[in-house]
Protein backbone atom coordinates (compact mmCIF):
# COMPACT_ATOMS: atom_id res chain seq x y z
CA UNK A 1 -25.76 -8.33 29.40
CA UNK A 2 -28.22 -7.21 32.53
CA UNK A 3 -29.31 -11.48 31.77
CA UNK A 4 -25.72 -12.36 32.59
CA UNK A 5 -25.43 -10.25 35.24
CA UNK A 6 -28.87 -11.79 36.64
CA UNK A 7 -27.58 -15.39 36.18
CA UNK A 8 -24.15 -14.63 37.87
CA UNK A 9 -25.85 -13.46 40.89
CA UNK A 10 -28.16 -16.14 40.80
CA UNK A 11 -25.50 -18.76 40.56
CA UNK A 12 -22.94 -16.80 43.63
CA UNK A 13 -26.20 -17.28 45.79
CA UNK A 14 -27.09 -20.67 45.21
CA UNK A 15 -23.55 -22.09 44.76
CA UNK A 16 -24.50 -23.34 41.17
CA UNK A 17 -21.17 -23.09 39.30
CA UNK A 18 -21.60 -21.74 35.77
CA UNK A 19 -18.73 -20.26 35.58
CA UNK A 20 -17.70 -21.86 31.87
CA UNK A 21 -20.87 -21.11 30.53
CA UNK A 22 -20.65 -17.20 31.64
CA UNK A 23 -16.94 -17.16 30.29
CA UNK A 24 -17.97 -18.24 27.20
CA UNK A 25 -21.00 -15.86 26.78
CA UNK A 26 -19.06 -13.17 28.19
CA UNK A 27 -16.40 -13.23 25.74
CA UNK A 28 -19.06 -14.01 22.76
CA UNK A 29 -20.37 -9.85 23.88
CA UNK A 30 -17.54 -9.41 24.15
CA UNK A 31 -17.39 -8.10 27.75
CA UNK A 32 -13.43 -9.27 27.94
CA UNK A 33 -12.56 -7.52 31.48
CA UNK A 34 -16.27 -8.56 32.92
CA UNK A 35 -15.05 -12.30 32.21
CA UNK A 36 -11.56 -11.84 33.04
CA UNK A 37 -12.91 -11.07 36.83
CA UNK A 38 -15.09 -14.31 36.59
CA UNK A 39 -12.41 -15.98 35.44
CA UNK A 40 -10.24 -14.71 38.68
CA UNK A 41 -12.47 -16.42 40.95
CA UNK A 42 -12.12 -20.12 39.25
CA UNK A 43 -10.08 -22.11 41.77
CA UNK A 44 -8.54 -24.27 39.14
CA UNK A 45 -9.21 -23.10 35.32
CA UNK A 46 -8.80 -25.32 32.68
CA UNK A 47 -7.44 -25.21 29.95
CA UNK A 48 -10.27 -24.80 27.92
CA UNK A 49 -11.36 -21.53 29.47
CA UNK A 50 -7.38 -20.58 29.98
CA UNK A 51 -7.40 -20.77 25.81
CA UNK A 52 -10.83 -18.62 25.69
CA UNK A 53 -9.05 -16.13 27.44
CA UNK A 54 -6.04 -16.11 25.68
CA UNK A 55 -8.21 -16.55 22.47
CA UNK A 56 -9.94 -13.10 23.01
CA UNK A 57 -6.50 -11.03 23.99
CA UNK A 58 -5.00 -11.73 20.81
CA UNK A 59 -8.28 -11.15 18.94
CA UNK A 60 -8.78 -8.21 21.04
CA UNK A 61 -5.66 -6.41 23.17
CA UNK A 62 -4.58 -6.23 25.43
CA UNK A 63 -1.76 -8.79 23.71
CA UNK A 64 0.77 -8.77 26.46
CA UNK A 65 -2.52 -10.20 28.45
CA UNK A 66 -2.12 -13.70 26.52
CA UNK A 67 1.38 -13.96 27.75
CA UNK A 68 0.75 -13.47 30.96
CA UNK A 69 -2.46 -15.62 31.17
CA UNK A 70 0.10 -18.31 29.54
CA UNK A 71 2.59 -17.95 32.36
CA UNK A 72 0.01 -18.29 34.77
CA UNK A 73 -1.46 -21.54 33.39
CA UNK A 74 2.23 -23.12 33.01
CA UNK A 75 2.58 -22.58 37.02
CA UNK A 76 -0.82 -23.94 37.83
CA UNK A 77 0.33 -27.06 36.52
CA UNK A 78 -2.07 -26.53 33.60
CA UNK A 79 -0.77 -27.93 30.24
CA UNK A 80 -1.19 -25.86 27.22
CA UNK A 81 -3.13 -28.10 23.91
CA UNK A 82 -2.20 -26.54 20.36
CA UNK A 83 -5.01 -24.26 20.60
CA UNK A 84 -3.30 -22.73 23.56
CA UNK A 85 -0.06 -22.53 20.42
CA UNK A 86 -2.19 -21.23 17.88
CA UNK A 87 -3.58 -18.05 19.90
CA UNK A 88 -0.04 -17.34 21.10
CA UNK A 89 1.76 -17.59 17.31
CA UNK A 90 -0.91 -14.90 16.34
CA UNK A 91 -0.43 -12.89 19.03
CA UNK A 92 3.19 -13.07 18.58
CA UNK A 93 2.66 -11.82 14.74
CA UNK A 94 1.20 -8.94 15.81
CA UNK A 95 3.14 -7.73 18.07
CA UNK A 96 6.03 -8.42 15.87
CA UNK A 97 7.77 -10.26 18.66
CA UNK A 98 9.90 -13.32 16.69
CA UNK A 99 11.79 -14.13 19.98
CA UNK A 100 8.15 -15.00 21.68
CA UNK A 101 7.64 -16.62 18.87
CA UNK A 102 10.31 -19.07 18.85
CA UNK A 103 10.18 -19.86 22.25
CA UNK A 104 6.21 -20.69 21.92
CA UNK A 105 7.16 -22.92 18.51
CA UNK A 106 10.01 -25.05 20.71
CA UNK A 107 7.46 -25.38 23.74
CA UNK A 108 4.44 -26.75 21.00
CA UNK A 109 7.91 -29.01 19.78
CA UNK A 110 8.01 -30.56 23.12
CA UNK A 111 4.56 -31.14 24.09
CA UNK A 112 4.51 -32.77 21.07
CA UNK A 113 1.98 -30.70 19.04
CA UNK A 114 4.33 -30.26 16.44
CA UNK A 115 2.22 -31.55 13.12
CA UNK A 116 -1.07 -30.16 14.56
CA UNK A 117 -2.43 -28.55 11.46
CA UNK A 118 -3.74 -25.72 12.98
CA UNK A 119 -1.18 -24.97 14.99
CA UNK A 120 1.54 -25.71 12.24
CA UNK A 121 -0.36 -23.38 9.93
CA UNK A 122 -0.36 -20.74 12.60
CA UNK A 123 3.70 -20.99 13.09
CA UNK A 124 4.16 -20.32 9.51
CA UNK A 125 1.88 -17.70 9.35
CA UNK A 126 3.63 -16.00 12.39
CA UNK A 127 7.07 -16.55 11.13
CA UNK A 128 5.73 -15.47 7.60
CA UNK A 129 4.66 -12.30 9.14
CA UNK A 130 7.71 -10.96 11.03
CA UNK A 131 10.11 -11.34 8.54
CA UNK A 132 11.92 -15.18 9.33
CA UNK A 133 10.46 -16.87 5.73
CA UNK A 134 13.38 -19.33 6.22
CA UNK A 135 11.78 -20.77 8.92
CA UNK A 136 8.16 -20.04 8.22
CA UNK A 137 9.62 -22.39 4.92
CA UNK A 138 10.95 -24.91 7.14
CA UNK A 139 7.89 -25.27 8.95
CA UNK A 140 6.04 -25.84 5.69
CA UNK A 141 7.82 -28.23 4.23
CA UNK A 142 7.78 -30.61 7.72
CA UNK A 143 4.43 -30.73 7.57
CA UNK A 144 2.67 -33.96 6.08
CA UNK A 145 -0.68 -32.09 5.44
CA UNK A 146 -1.62 -29.05 4.51
CA UNK A 147 -4.76 -26.76 3.18
CA UNK A 148 -5.39 -24.12 1.83
CA UNK A 149 -4.82 -21.66 4.43
CA UNK A 150 -1.35 -23.18 5.01
CA UNK A 151 -0.22 -22.04 1.71
CA UNK A 152 -2.49 -18.69 2.17
CA UNK A 153 0.26 -17.90 5.00
CA UNK A 154 3.20 -18.53 2.45
CA UNK A 155 2.20 -17.11 -0.13
CA UNK A 156 1.72 -14.13 1.35
CA UNK A 157 4.36 -14.35 3.12
CA UNK A 158 7.00 -14.49 0.38
CA UNK A 159 4.81 -11.40 -1.47
CA UNK A 160 4.56 -8.90 1.96
CA UNK A 161 9.06 -9.65 1.76
CA UNK A 162 8.77 -8.84 -1.88
CA UNK A 163 9.77 -12.42 -3.26
CA UNK A 164 6.94 -12.32 -6.03
CA UNK A 165 9.02 -15.05 -7.68
CA UNK A 166 9.08 -17.34 -4.80
CA UNK A 167 5.44 -16.29 -3.86
CA UNK A 168 4.30 -17.02 -8.11
CA UNK A 169 6.12 -20.38 -7.88
CA UNK A 170 3.64 -21.52 -4.37
CA UNK A 171 1.09 -19.90 -6.25
CA UNK A 172 1.54 -21.88 -9.29
CA UNK A 173 2.32 -24.90 -7.23
CA UNK A 174 -1.07 -24.60 -4.92
CA UNK A 175 -3.57 -27.55 -5.47
CA UNK A 176 -6.67 -25.55 -4.47
CA UNK A 177 -7.15 -22.05 -4.22
CA UNK A 178 -9.29 -20.03 -2.80
CA UNK A 179 -10.47 -16.13 -3.14
CA UNK A 180 -7.46 -15.62 -0.50
CA UNK A 181 -5.10 -16.89 -2.48
CA UNK A 182 -5.63 -15.00 -5.53
CA UNK A 183 -5.93 -12.37 -3.23
CA UNK A 184 -2.85 -12.23 -2.11
CA UNK A 185 -0.79 -12.17 -5.04
CA UNK A 186 -3.08 -9.35 -6.76
CA UNK A 187 -2.12 -7.67 -3.37
CA UNK A 188 1.48 -8.22 -3.47
CA UNK A 189 2.32 -7.37 -6.58
CA UNK A 190 0.49 -4.17 -6.41
CA UNK A 191 2.37 -3.21 -3.06
CA UNK A 192 5.43 -4.21 -4.85
CA UNK A 193 4.74 -1.73 -7.81
CA UNK A 194 4.09 -4.38 -10.38
CA UNK A 195 0.98 -3.47 -11.45
CA UNK A 196 0.64 -4.84 -14.46
CA UNK A 197 0.92 -8.48 -12.97
CA UNK A 198 -1.53 -7.23 -10.45
CA UNK A 199 -4.05 -6.37 -13.07
CA UNK A 200 -3.40 -9.35 -15.36
CA UNK A 201 -4.19 -11.87 -12.41
CA UNK A 202 -7.14 -10.30 -11.75
CA UNK A 203 -8.17 -10.59 -14.88
CA UNK A 204 -7.58 -14.24 -15.09
CA UNK A 205 -9.60 -14.45 -11.64
CA UNK A 206 -12.17 -12.73 -13.04
CA UNK A 207 -12.77 -15.75 -15.82
CA UNK A 208 -13.33 -18.27 -13.00
CA UNK A 209 -16.91 -18.53 -12.56
CA UNK A 210 -16.59 -20.48 -9.15
CA UNK A 211 -14.73 -17.69 -7.69
CA UNK A 212 -15.86 -13.92 -6.93
CA UNK A 213 -13.61 -11.22 -5.88
CA UNK A 214 -14.02 -9.73 -2.34
CA UNK A 215 -13.96 -6.51 -0.81
CA UNK A 216 -9.30 -7.21 -0.07
CA UNK A 217 -9.27 -8.51 -3.39
CA UNK A 218 -11.34 -5.04 -5.21
CA UNK A 219 -9.05 -2.68 -2.63
CA UNK A 220 -5.84 -4.81 -3.80
CA UNK A 221 -6.05 -4.41 -7.47
CA UNK A 222 -7.65 -0.61 -7.75
CA UNK A 223 -4.32 0.82 -6.79
CA UNK A 224 -2.53 -1.25 -9.90
CA UNK A 225 -5.70 0.30 -12.43
CA UNK A 226 -4.78 4.05 -10.64
CA UNK A 227 -1.41 3.60 -11.91
CA UNK A 228 -1.79 1.75 -15.01
CA UNK A 229 -4.60 4.09 -16.07
CA UNK A 230 -6.75 1.57 -16.60
CA UNK A 231 -9.95 3.05 -16.54
CA UNK A 232 -12.38 0.75 -18.41
CA UNK A 233 -10.86 -2.31 -15.90
CA UNK A 234 -11.50 0.48 -12.72
CA UNK A 235 -15.24 1.40 -14.04
CA UNK A 236 -16.43 -2.37 -14.64
CA UNK A 237 -14.58 -2.95 -11.04
CA UNK A 238 -16.82 -0.29 -8.98
CA UNK A 239 -19.79 -1.44 -11.12
CA UNK A 240 -19.23 -4.98 -9.66
CA UNK A 241 -18.44 -3.16 -6.08
CA UNK A 242 -21.66 -1.13 -5.87
CA UNK A 243 -23.77 -4.68 -7.23
CA UNK A 244 -21.81 -6.61 -3.85
CA UNK A 245 -22.61 -4.10 -1.47
CA UNK A 246 -18.86 -3.45 -0.99
CA UNK A 247 -19.10 0.05 -1.10
CA UNK A 248 -20.39 0.62 2.27
CA UNK A 249 -16.40 -0.90 3.01
CA UNK A 250 -14.53 2.49 3.55
CA UNK A 251 -10.86 0.99 1.95
CA UNK A 252 -13.39 0.05 -1.54
CA UNK A 253 -14.37 3.83 -1.15
CA UNK A 254 -10.77 5.29 -0.70
CA UNK A 255 -9.32 2.93 -3.43
CA UNK A 256 -12.10 4.06 -5.64
CA UNK A 257 -11.33 7.33 -5.01
CA UNK A 258 -7.98 7.28 -6.05
CA UNK A 259 -8.13 5.53 -9.15
CA UNK A 260 -10.60 7.92 -10.58
CA UNK A 261 -8.21 10.91 -9.74
CA UNK A 262 -5.25 9.32 -10.82
CA UNK A 263 -6.95 8.19 -14.08
CA UNK A 264 -8.03 11.72 -14.99
CA UNK A 265 -11.48 11.85 -14.15
CA UNK A 266 -10.87 14.21 -10.32
CA UNK A 267 -14.95 14.89 -11.53
CA UNK A 268 -15.58 11.75 -10.99
CA UNK A 269 -13.92 10.91 -8.11
CA UNK A 270 -15.19 14.26 -6.02
CA UNK A 271 -18.73 12.92 -6.88
CA UNK A 272 -17.87 9.63 -4.22
CA UNK A 273 -15.78 11.98 -2.25
CA UNK A 274 -19.30 13.90 -1.56
CA UNK A 275 -21.51 10.59 -2.09
CA UNK A 276 -19.36 9.03 1.06
CA UNK A 277 -20.72 11.74 3.34
CA UNK A 278 -20.19 11.97 6.84
CA UNK A 279 -18.30 8.09 6.49
CA UNK A 280 -15.81 9.93 5.27
CA UNK A 281 -12.00 8.94 7.17
CA UNK A 282 -8.67 10.79 6.96
CA UNK A 283 -7.34 9.01 4.22
CA UNK A 284 -10.91 10.11 2.40
CA UNK A 285 -9.55 13.90 2.73
CA UNK A 286 -6.26 13.17 2.03
CA UNK A 287 -6.97 11.31 -1.17
CA UNK A 288 -9.43 14.04 -2.63
CA UNK A 289 -6.88 16.96 -1.52
CA UNK A 290 -3.94 15.44 -3.37
CA UNK A 291 -6.25 14.49 -6.16
CA UNK A 292 -7.28 18.15 -6.72
CA UNK A 293 -3.71 19.22 -6.28
CA UNK A 294 -2.26 17.03 -8.78
CA UNK A 295 -4.70 18.31 -10.91
CA UNK A 296 -3.65 22.08 -10.44
CA UNK A 297 -7.22 23.10 -8.91
CA UNK A 298 -5.59 24.01 -5.98
CA UNK A 299 -7.60 26.37 -4.61
CA UNK A 300 -10.44 23.69 -3.93
CA UNK A 301 -7.63 21.44 -2.51
CA UNK A 302 -7.32 23.98 0.30
CA UNK A 303 -10.57 25.01 0.64
CA UNK A 304 -10.86 21.05 1.03
CA UNK A 305 -7.53 21.39 3.31
CA UNK A 306 -9.83 24.30 5.95
CA UNK A 307 -13.29 22.39 5.11
CA UNK A 308 -11.33 19.60 7.00
CA UNK A 309 -9.92 21.43 9.45
CA UNK A 310 -13.00 23.20 10.28
CA UNK A 311 -15.21 20.06 10.60
CA UNK A 312 -12.79 18.68 12.91
CA UNK A 313 -10.56 16.42 11.27
CA UNK A 314 -6.75 16.12 12.49
CA UNK A 315 -4.94 16.26 9.79
CA UNK A 316 -1.31 14.14 9.46
CA UNK A 317 1.98 14.13 7.47
CA UNK A 318 -0.30 12.88 4.40
CA UNK A 319 -2.23 16.02 4.43
CA UNK A 320 0.62 18.62 4.58
CA UNK A 321 1.96 17.09 1.48
CA UNK A 322 -1.39 17.50 -0.41
CA UNK A 323 -1.42 21.24 0.96
CA UNK A 324 1.40 22.23 0.04
CA UNK A 325 1.45 20.48 -3.37
CA UNK A 326 -1.68 22.30 -3.90
CA UNK A 327 0.71 25.23 -3.37
CA UNK A 328 3.38 24.81 -6.00
CA UNK A 329 1.19 24.22 -8.45
CA UNK A 330 0.10 28.10 -7.92
CA UNK A 331 2.93 29.14 -7.16
CA UNK A 332 1.91 30.43 -3.97
CA UNK A 333 4.79 30.44 -2.05
CA UNK A 334 3.67 32.77 0.92
CA UNK A 335 0.74 30.63 1.57
CA UNK A 336 2.90 27.06 1.20
CA UNK A 337 5.63 28.80 3.83
CA UNK A 338 2.35 29.64 6.09
CA UNK A 339 1.07 25.83 5.78
CA UNK A 340 4.46 24.57 6.55
CA UNK A 341 5.38 26.69 9.47
CA UNK A 342 1.98 25.51 10.86
CA UNK A 343 2.45 21.90 10.67
CA UNK A 344 4.74 22.00 13.81
CA UNK A 345 3.58 25.45 15.24
CA UNK A 346 -0.33 24.71 15.07
CA UNK A 347 -0.30 20.75 14.80
CA UNK A 348 2.89 19.55 16.17
CA UNK A 349 3.85 17.51 13.57
CA UNK A 350 7.47 16.92 12.68
CA UNK A 351 8.39 17.84 8.83
CA UNK A 352 9.64 15.10 7.09
CA UNK A 353 11.63 14.46 3.73
CA UNK A 354 8.51 14.57 2.05
CA UNK A 355 7.33 18.53 3.01
CA UNK A 356 10.97 20.00 2.56
CA UNK A 357 10.96 18.00 -0.90
CA UNK A 358 7.28 19.88 -1.66
CA UNK A 359 9.11 23.31 -0.23
CA UNK A 360 11.79 22.92 -2.56
CA UNK A 361 9.32 22.56 -5.76
CA UNK A 362 7.62 25.40 -4.29
CA UNK A 363 10.29 28.04 -4.42
CA UNK A 364 12.02 25.79 -7.26
CA UNK A 365 8.79 26.51 -9.32
CA UNK A 366 8.35 30.21 -8.48
CA UNK A 367 12.37 30.71 -9.26
CA UNK A 368 13.89 30.99 -5.68
CA UNK A 369 16.07 28.61 -6.51
CA UNK A 370 19.08 30.44 -4.07
CA UNK A 371 16.17 29.64 -1.45
CA UNK A 372 15.03 26.21 -2.33
CA UNK A 373 19.21 25.42 -1.96
CA UNK A 374 19.48 27.08 1.45
CA UNK A 375 16.71 24.47 2.65
CA UNK A 376 17.99 21.82 1.71
CA UNK A 377 21.01 22.73 3.33
CA UNK A 378 19.27 23.85 6.23
CA UNK A 379 17.09 20.18 6.52
CA UNK A 380 17.28 18.41 10.02
CA UNK A 381 18.22 15.48 7.99
CA UNK A 382 20.36 13.98 5.27
CA UNK A 383 18.82 15.36 2.08
CA UNK A 384 17.59 12.59 -0.88
CA UNK A 385 17.59 11.80 -4.36
CA UNK A 386 13.78 13.49 -4.93
CA UNK A 387 15.08 16.57 -3.33
CA UNK A 388 18.23 16.94 -5.51
CA UNK A 389 16.44 16.13 -8.50
CA UNK A 390 13.27 18.56 -7.83
CA UNK A 391 16.52 21.41 -7.47
CA UNK A 392 17.82 19.98 -10.57
CA UNK A 393 14.76 20.25 -12.13
CA UNK A 394 13.80 23.86 -11.42
CA UNK A 395 17.38 24.88 -12.09
CA UNK A 396 16.70 23.02 -15.83
CA UNK A 397 13.62 24.99 -16.24
CA UNK A 398 15.48 28.51 -15.20
CA UNK A 399 18.68 26.96 -16.79
CA UNK A 400 20.89 27.66 -13.18
CA UNK A 401 24.35 26.75 -14.24
CA UNK A 402 26.13 26.75 -11.25
CA UNK A 403 23.37 25.17 -8.85
CA UNK A 404 22.55 22.62 -11.69
CA UNK A 405 26.36 21.23 -11.23
CA UNK A 406 25.95 20.78 -7.04
CA UNK A 407 22.75 19.05 -7.23
CA UNK A 408 23.46 16.92 -10.17
CA UNK A 409 26.95 16.09 -7.56
CA UNK A 410 24.97 15.10 -4.98
CA UNK A 411 22.95 12.84 -7.03
CA UNK A 412 25.74 11.20 -8.93
CA UNK A 413 26.55 9.81 -5.13
CA UNK A 414 23.31 8.76 -3.72
CA UNK A 415 21.83 7.13 -7.22
CA UNK A 416 25.07 6.75 -9.82
CA UNK A 417 23.50 4.24 -11.94
CA UNK A 418 19.95 6.83 -12.75
CA UNK A 419 20.66 8.03 -16.84
CA UNK A 420 18.39 11.11 -16.10
CA UNK A 421 20.61 13.45 -13.46
CA UNK A 422 23.43 13.12 -16.65
CA UNK A 423 20.69 13.73 -19.76
CA UNK A 424 19.28 16.98 -17.26
CA UNK A 425 22.34 18.55 -16.51
CA UNK A 426 23.54 17.69 -20.59
CA UNK A 427 20.34 19.79 -21.34
CA UNK A 428 20.60 22.92 -19.27
CA UNK A 429 24.44 22.87 -20.89
CA UNK A 430 23.33 22.59 -24.05
CA UNK A 431 20.25 25.70 -23.27
CA UNK A 432 23.22 27.88 -22.39
CA UNK A 433 25.93 26.48 -24.45
CA UNK A 434 27.90 24.93 -22.82
CA UNK A 435 28.85 21.89 -25.26
CA UNK A 436 32.12 21.30 -23.67
CA UNK A 437 29.91 19.84 -20.36
CA UNK A 438 27.91 18.17 -23.00
CA UNK A 439 30.48 16.49 -24.57
CA UNK A 440 31.84 15.96 -21.14
CA UNK A 441 28.86 14.29 -19.88
CA UNK A 442 28.66 11.84 -22.67
CA UNK A 443 32.65 10.69 -21.98
CA UNK A 444 31.39 10.10 -18.40
CA UNK A 445 27.82 8.33 -19.37
CA UNK A 446 30.16 6.34 -21.60
CA UNK A 447 33.04 5.72 -19.17
CA UNK A 448 30.14 4.30 -16.56
CA UNK A 449 28.67 2.54 -18.92
CA UNK A 450 25.42 4.60 -17.95
CA UNK A 451 22.31 3.71 -20.45
CA UNK A 452 19.55 5.67 -21.23
CA UNK A 453 16.31 2.68 -20.50
CA UNK A 454 13.66 3.54 -23.50
CA UNK A 455 10.81 4.97 -22.12
CA UNK A 456 7.42 3.05 -22.44
CA UNK A 457 3.66 3.75 -22.56
CA UNK A 458 0.47 2.01 -21.72
CA UNK A 459 -2.58 1.74 -24.02
CA UNK A 460 -6.35 0.12 -22.75
CA UNK A 461 -8.40 -1.86 -25.29
CA UNK A 462 -10.62 -4.75 -24.90
CA UNK A 463 -10.46 -5.19 -21.28
CA UNK A 464 -6.22 -5.32 -21.97
CA UNK A 465 -3.70 -2.95 -20.80
CA UNK A 466 -0.52 -3.48 -23.29
CA UNK A 467 2.78 -2.30 -22.25
CA UNK A 468 5.00 -1.30 -25.45
CA UNK A 469 7.88 0.91 -26.08
CA UNK A 470 9.23 2.71 -29.77
CA UNK A 471 9.40 0.54 -32.10
CA UNK A 472 8.43 -2.08 -30.20
CA UNK A 473 7.36 -5.31 -32.31
CA UNK A 474 6.85 -7.99 -29.62
CA UNK A 475 2.49 -8.01 -29.95
CA UNK A 476 1.69 -10.89 -32.27
CA UNK A 477 -0.42 -8.61 -34.65
CA UNK A 478 2.63 -5.64 -34.45
CA UNK A 479 2.46 -6.00 -38.73
CA UNK A 480 -1.08 -4.71 -38.80
CA UNK A 481 -0.56 -2.36 -35.88
CA UNK A 482 1.83 -0.11 -37.95
CA UNK A 483 0.18 -0.84 -41.46
CA UNK A 484 -2.73 0.73 -39.39
CA UNK A 485 -0.57 3.41 -38.40
CA UNK A 486 0.94 4.60 -41.61
CA UNK A 487 -2.36 4.55 -42.86
CA UNK A 488 -3.60 7.05 -40.24
CA UNK A 489 -0.26 9.53 -40.58
CA UNK A 490 -0.14 9.45 -44.36
CA UNK A 491 -4.15 10.62 -43.95
CA UNK A 492 -3.28 13.14 -41.12
CA UNK A 493 -0.88 14.87 -43.78
CA UNK A 494 -3.76 15.16 -46.44
CA UNK A 495 -5.08 18.40 -45.58
CA UNK A 496 -7.82 18.54 -47.85
CA UNK A 497 -9.18 15.18 -47.35
CA UNK A 498 -12.73 14.51 -45.41
CA UNK A 499 -11.86 13.67 -41.30
CA UNK A 500 -13.79 10.70 -41.91
CA UNK A 501 -11.21 9.17 -44.39
CA UNK A 502 -8.73 9.09 -41.27
CA UNK A 503 -11.06 6.67 -39.74
CA UNK A 504 -11.86 4.60 -42.58
CA UNK A 505 -8.58 2.75 -42.27
CA UNK A 506 -9.82 1.30 -38.62
CA UNK A 507 -13.19 -0.17 -40.14
């Protein structure tokens, strides 16, 4: 930097024009404010220098400076080119400004750069990111030539907007795919709750010899492993991530924390948390607090919560969900109240629905059903199905028919399609001898054609995750599976047999 300042001083003293060199080098550092000051001294900047500065602001911000520079460029009679629009489309996406992007699109067409590959790809990407998929598809279809980034932008756009069928169709049509293509699909499936599809696609990717998952791929597939309980795959991914040096990436570390916690390996999760050490960020603390709370380690979770505050890490709303949840699992009503009140009083964090839901759960588990109901009534926002469902579940545990009927009535309005609410209330009626209530609910379910969906399970075997329901015969080897299951069941019923006999049928 000092050397560049010396060059700048030398050019000013000797009247030498080194501004293009200076600005280019300053933006490489980057020292954008200094580069901008040098730029402002130029009487007639070229489109190249305008583009360099616009590109710098589009990458580092402030983003609105891009629009200001573009306006100055046009006002000073400098015609923008395709590179100008590539950066302007990118910043329009970052600011989620579809109107601004559409304006630039019209000017791109007017200046004759409509079919430039890079500008068109940036335009597809912009429309996809601001949610205008129809416009993105129109631009895509008009392009005479598309490269891999063009396809990736549209695939990611469909995935981001929840249309995984559209994304999959495009993905299958792609003439060439790279790691970004696969990652966009894996991430899309995972973010849209299609964890089985996410993991299946990752396993297909693993088989490709010329393609290696990157840090984003790893971060995208680990939540699928966590949700499916695919521990073996998750452990294999950890080994791969460490070998590739990806453990330096905090997104990968935090995804591993969550995966092990959700797969029941809370001690392994804690070991990774300790290994991360000073690099821990808020997500690391939140994941660990939540993991400990869910595993019933309430004291450890609250100790970690206080340790986090002691070390000066400011909590957010997610932190308090974990802390209150820890209180729920140990029935620590007073501690939960204290933490809940501290959100606004100490940390100026306004409680959300999730926090009220946790407090309803806390009161409900402790048998304080009336207080749970009063809290729902006093909430500053409209109670959702989670709050009423939590109360209904607590009423089921404590057999409180009166409040259960109130909660169920609200749930019928919020989610009339959910058979679980009818079943829970029916069970409460049955437990309290209200058989007339059971009969009426069954008639209601038949009248509304509400059918309880069959529950399903996952099992991981041989690096594959299988999904099945009761009496499922969809697996091609289901006859063998049931034969072995019957043999195991039969042997388990023979108390005099040696334990080894039970497992002989597996050989």
